[in-house]
Amino acid sequence: MVRDAPLKFTRELAGTLTIQSVSTSAIIVDGKPYSQTIALTPEEVLDDWQAKPVADLTDGDFETLLGLSPEIVLLGTGDHNVFPPRDLMFAFARRGIGLECMDTAAAARTFNVLASEGRQIAAVLYL
C-alpha cells in the first residue's frame, strides 16, 4: 500500500550567504576564510567587528547590526557557550530583538537555517 505523504518544498534564496565551516582557525563563508571575529547578515559579512571579551560587550557594540533591523541576533562565543552580561540581554529585550548565545558552531548552523528561511537575522561569530 502506498501512502501519500505531504512534502514541504522550500526555495533557496539567491544571494544568501552560507557559513560553510567553523574551526579554531577560520570561519568560511561562501568560500572565503575569516580568521577573526566577524559579524554578518544573510547579505553581507562585516569583518571589521571589534572583538573584545564577551563579558565586556554592551549594546553599543551592536549598533551597526541593530541599524539593519534584525529580528534576532545570534552570538557565537567560540568553542564554548559564554553568557554575555545581563544588561546586554535586557537591552536587546527592550528593543524587541532576540539575542541568542551559543557556541560558534551552533550559531553558524542556526544562522544558515534561519537565513535560508528568509528571516531578518544577524550574527556575531567569535573563533
C-alpha atoms as a PDB file:
ATOM      1  CA  MET A   1       0.000   0.000   0.000  1.00  0.00           C
ATOM      2  CA  VAL A   2       1.333   3.419  -0.956  1.00  0.00           C
ATOM      3  CA  ARG A   3       0.519   6.382   1.256  1.00  0.00           C
ATOM      4  CA  ASP A   4       0.525   9.981   0.205  1.00  0.00           C
ATOM      5  CA  ALA A   5       2.936  11.938   2.332  1.00  0.00           C
ATOM      6  CA  PRO A   6       2.841  15.714   2.292  1.00  0.00           C
ATOM      7  CA  LEU A   7       6.169  17.205   1.258  1.00  0.00           C
ATOM      8  CA  LYS A   8       7.310  20.680   2.004  1.00  0.00           C
ATOM      9  CA  PHE A   9       9.441  22.298  -0.663  1.00  0.00           C
ATOM     10  CA  THR A  10      11.489  25.365   0.134  1.00  0.00           C
ATOM     11  CA  ARG A  11      13.163  27.735  -2.241  1.00  0.00           C
ATOM     12  CA  GLU A  12      16.801  28.591  -1.671  1.00  0.00           C
ATOM     13  CA  LEU A  13      17.232  32.326  -1.550  1.00  0.00           C
ATOM     14  CA  ALA A  14      19.670  33.601  -4.159  1.00  0.00           C
ATOM     15  CA  GLY A  15      22.298  35.908  -2.748  1.00  0.00           C
ATOM     16  CA  THR A  16      22.071  34.491   0.769  1.00  0.00           C
ATOM     17  CA  LEU A  17      25.445  33.900   2.409  1.00  0.00           C
ATOM     18  CA  THR A  18      26.171  30.426   3.736  1.00  0.00           C
ATOM     19  CA  ILE A  19      28.604  29.594   6.513  1.00  0.00           C
ATOM     20  CA  GLN A  20      30.402  26.541   5.205  1.00  0.00           C
ATOM     21  CA  SER A  21      32.629  25.671   8.151  1.00  0.00           C
ATOM     22  CA  VAL A  22      33.830  26.788  11.548  1.00  0.00           C
ATOM     23  CA  SER A  23      37.140  25.808  13.116  1.00  0.00           C
ATOM     24  CA  THR A  24      39.514  27.267  15.679  1.00  0.00           C
ATOM     25  CA  SER A  25      41.468  28.906  12.861  1.00  0.00           C
ATOM     26  CA  ALA A  26      38.786  30.213  10.477  1.00  0.00           C
ATOM     27  CA  ILE A  27      35.150  30.737   9.669  1.00  0.00           C
ATOM     28  CA  ILE A  28      34.473  30.053   5.995  1.00  0.00           C
ATOM     29  CA  VAL A  29      31.620  31.987   4.414  1.00  0.00           C
ATOM     30  CA  ASP A  30      30.868  31.294   0.761  1.00  0.00           C
ATOM     31  CA  GLY A  31      34.405  30.021   0.205  1.00  0.00           C
ATOM     32  CA  LYS A  32      36.181  32.936   1.889  1.00  0.00           C
ATOM     33  CA  PRO A  33      38.023  32.258   5.166  1.00  0.00           C
ATOM     34  CA  TYR A  34      37.904  34.775   8.016  1.00  0.00           C
ATOM     35  CA  SER A  35      40.497  34.345  10.747  1.00  0.00           C
ATOM     36  CA  GLN A  36      38.962  36.832  13.170  1.00  0.00           C
ATOM     37  CA  THR A  37      35.612  37.535  14.781  1.00  0.00           C
ATOM     38  CA  ILE A  38      33.032  38.558  12.188  1.00  0.00           C
ATOM     39  CA  ALA A  39      29.535  39.957  12.119  1.00  0.00           C
ATOM     40  CA  LEU A  40      27.228  39.042   9.273  1.00  0.00           C
ATOM     41  CA  THR A  41      23.759  39.169   7.839  1.00  0.00           C
ATOM     42  CA  PRO A  42      22.392  36.972   5.058  1.00  0.00           C
ATOM     43  CA  GLU A  43      23.551  39.636   2.584  1.00  0.00           C
ATOM     44  CA  GLU A  44      26.985  40.714   3.835  1.00  0.00           C
ATOM     45  CA  VAL A  45      29.948  39.996   6.086  1.00  0.00           C
ATOM     46  CA  LEU A  46      31.031  42.842   8.338  1.00  0.00           C
ATOM     47  CA  ASP A  47      34.590  41.720   9.015  1.00  0.00           C
ATOM     48  CA  ASP A  48      35.602  44.855  10.904  1.00  0.00           C
ATOM     49  CA  TRP A  49      33.925  43.765  14.140  1.00  0.00           C
ATOM     50  CA  GLN A  50      35.942  44.973  17.103  1.00  0.00           C
ATOM     51  CA  ALA A  51      36.368  41.777  19.083  1.00  0.00           C
ATOM     52  CA  LYS A  52      36.502  42.093  22.831  1.00  0.00           C
ATOM     53  CA  PRO A  53      35.707  39.635  25.583  1.00  0.00           C
ATOM     54  CA  VAL A  54      32.070  38.579  25.584  1.00  0.00           C
ATOM     55  CA  ALA A  55      31.804  39.670  29.230  1.00  0.00           C
ATOM     56  CA  ASP A  56      32.632  43.255  28.158  1.00  0.00           C
ATOM     57  CA  LEU A  57      30.051  43.572  25.357  1.00  0.00           C
ATOM     58  CA  THR A  58      27.482  46.366  25.503  1.00  0.00           C
ATOM     59  CA  ASP A  59      24.547  47.204  23.255  1.00  0.00           C
ATOM     60  CA  GLY A  60      26.678  49.983  21.736  1.00  0.00           C
ATOM     61  CA  ASP A  61      28.927  47.316  20.217  1.00  0.00           C
ATOM     62  CA  PHE A  62      25.956  46.107  18.152  1.00  0.00           C
ATOM     63  CA  GLU A  63      24.788  49.475  16.781  1.00  0.00           C
ATOM     64  CA  THR A  64      25.787  48.704  13.183  1.00  0.00           C
ATOM     65  CA  LEU A  65      23.944  45.386  13.253  1.00  0.00           C
ATOM     66  CA  LEU A  66      20.932  46.813  15.055  1.00  0.00           C
ATOM     67  CA  GLY A  67      20.703  49.527  12.412  1.00  0.00           C
ATOM     68  CA  LEU A  68      19.926  46.740   9.924  1.00  0.00           C
ATOM     69  CA  SER A  69      16.733  45.877  11.866  1.00  0.00           C
ATOM     70  CA  PRO A  70      17.262  42.176  12.595  1.00  0.00           C
ATOM     71  CA  GLU A  71      14.558  40.257  14.412  1.00  0.00           C
ATOM     72  CA  ILE A  72      17.206  38.130  16.090  1.00  0.00           C
ATOM     73  CA  VAL A  73      20.961  38.337  16.671  1.00  0.00           C
ATOM     74  CA  LEU A  74      23.000  35.182  17.200  1.00  0.00           C
ATOM     75  CA  LEU A  75      26.137  35.447  19.319  1.00  0.00           C
ATOM     76  CA  GLY A  76      28.584  32.609  18.688  1.00  0.00           C
ATOM     77  CA  THR A  77      31.038  32.692  21.579  1.00  0.00           C
ATOM     78  CA  GLY A  78      33.761  30.307  20.372  1.00  0.00           C
ATOM     79  CA  ASP A  79      34.263  26.670  21.379  1.00  0.00           C
ATOM     80  CA  HIS A  80      32.052  27.001  24.457  1.00  0.00           C
ATOM     81  CA  ASN A  81      28.907  28.885  25.274  1.00  0.00           C
ATOM     82  CA  VAL A  82      29.732  32.043  27.242  1.00  0.00           C
ATOM     83  CA  PHE A  83      26.875  34.164  28.505  1.00  0.00           C
ATOM     84  CA  PRO A  84      27.071  37.909  27.857  1.00  0.00           C
ATOM     85  CA  PRO A  85      26.339  40.496  30.544  1.00  0.00           C
ATOM     86  CA  ARG A  86      22.794  40.514  31.843  1.00  0.00           C
ATOM     87  CA  ASP A  87      22.457  44.199  30.927  1.00  0.00           C
ATOM     88  CA  LEU A  88      23.114  43.332  27.269  1.00  0.00           C
ATOM     89  CA  MET A  89      20.343  40.748  27.279  1.00  0.00           C
ATOM     90  CA  PHE A  90      17.956  43.297  28.815  1.00  0.00           C
ATOM     91  CA  ALA A  91      18.965  45.973  26.273  1.00  0.00           C
ATOM     92  CA  PHE A  92      18.049  43.653  23.417  1.00  0.00           C
ATOM     93  CA  ALA A  93      14.782  42.680  25.095  1.00  0.00           C
ATOM     94  CA  ARG A  94      13.827  46.355  25.487  1.00  0.00           C
ATOM     95  CA  ARG A  95      14.295  46.789  21.726  1.00  0.00           C
ATOM     96  CA  GLY A  96      12.200  43.712  20.966  1.00  0.00           C
ATOM     97  CA  ILE A  97      15.138  41.920  19.350  1.00  0.00           C
ATOM     98  CA  GLY A  98      16.144  38.417  20.341  1.00  0.00           C
ATOM     99  CA  LEU A  99      19.739  37.786  21.417  1.00  0.00           C
ATOM    100  CA  GLU A 100      20.638  34.108  21.380  1.00  0.00           C
ATOM    101  CA  CYS A 101      24.012  32.982  22.717  1.00  0.00           C
ATOM    102  CA  MET A 102      25.599  29.642  21.855  1.00  0.00           C
ATOM    103  CA  ASP A 103      28.919  28.191  20.760  1.00  0.00           C
ATOM    104  CA  THR A 104      30.026  29.374  17.321  1.00  0.00           C
ATOM    105  CA  ALA A 105      29.399  26.087  15.507  1.00  0.00           C
ATOM    106  CA  ALA A 106      25.789  26.019  16.744  1.00  0.00           C
ATOM    107  CA  ALA A 107      25.348  29.704  15.868  1.00  0.00           C
ATOM    108  CA  ALA A 108      26.623  29.025  12.330  1.00  0.00           C
ATOM    109  CA  ARG A 109      24.167  26.160  11.825  1.00  0.00           C
ATOM    110  CA  THR A 110      21.310  28.246  13.203  1.00  0.00           C
ATOM    111  CA  PHE A 111      22.288  31.194  11.008  1.00  0.00           C
ATOM    112  CA  ASN A 112      22.220  29.031   7.871  1.00  0.00           C
ATOM    113  CA  VAL A 113      18.770  27.642   8.669  1.00  0.00           C
ATOM    114  CA  LEU A 114      17.211  31.000   9.534  1.00  0.00           C
ATOM    115  CA  ALA A 115      18.837  32.780   6.588  1.00  0.00           C
ATOM    116  CA  SER A 116      17.552  30.102   4.194  1.00  0.00           C
ATOM    117  CA  GLU A 117      14.051  30.776   5.551  1.00  0.00           C
ATOM    118  CA  GLY A 118      14.387  34.450   4.639  1.00  0.00           C
ATOM    119  CA  ARG A 119      14.446  35.629   8.257  1.00  0.00           C
ATOM    120  CA  GLN A 120      15.901  39.012   9.258  1.00  0.00           C
ATOM    121  CA  ILE A 121      18.905  37.681  11.135  1.00  0.00           C
ATOM    122  CA  ALA A 122      22.355  38.875  12.111  1.00  0.00           C
ATOM    123  CA  ALA A 123      25.212  37.058  13.809  1.00  0.00           C
ATOM    124  CA  VAL A 124      28.468  37.806  15.572  1.00  0.00           C
ATOM    125  CA  LEU A 125      30.809  34.839  15.463  1.00  0.00           C
ATOM    126  CA  TYR A 126      33.908  34.528  17.634  1.00  0.00           C
ATOM    127  CA  LEU A 127      36.590  31.974  16.732  1.00  0.00           C
END
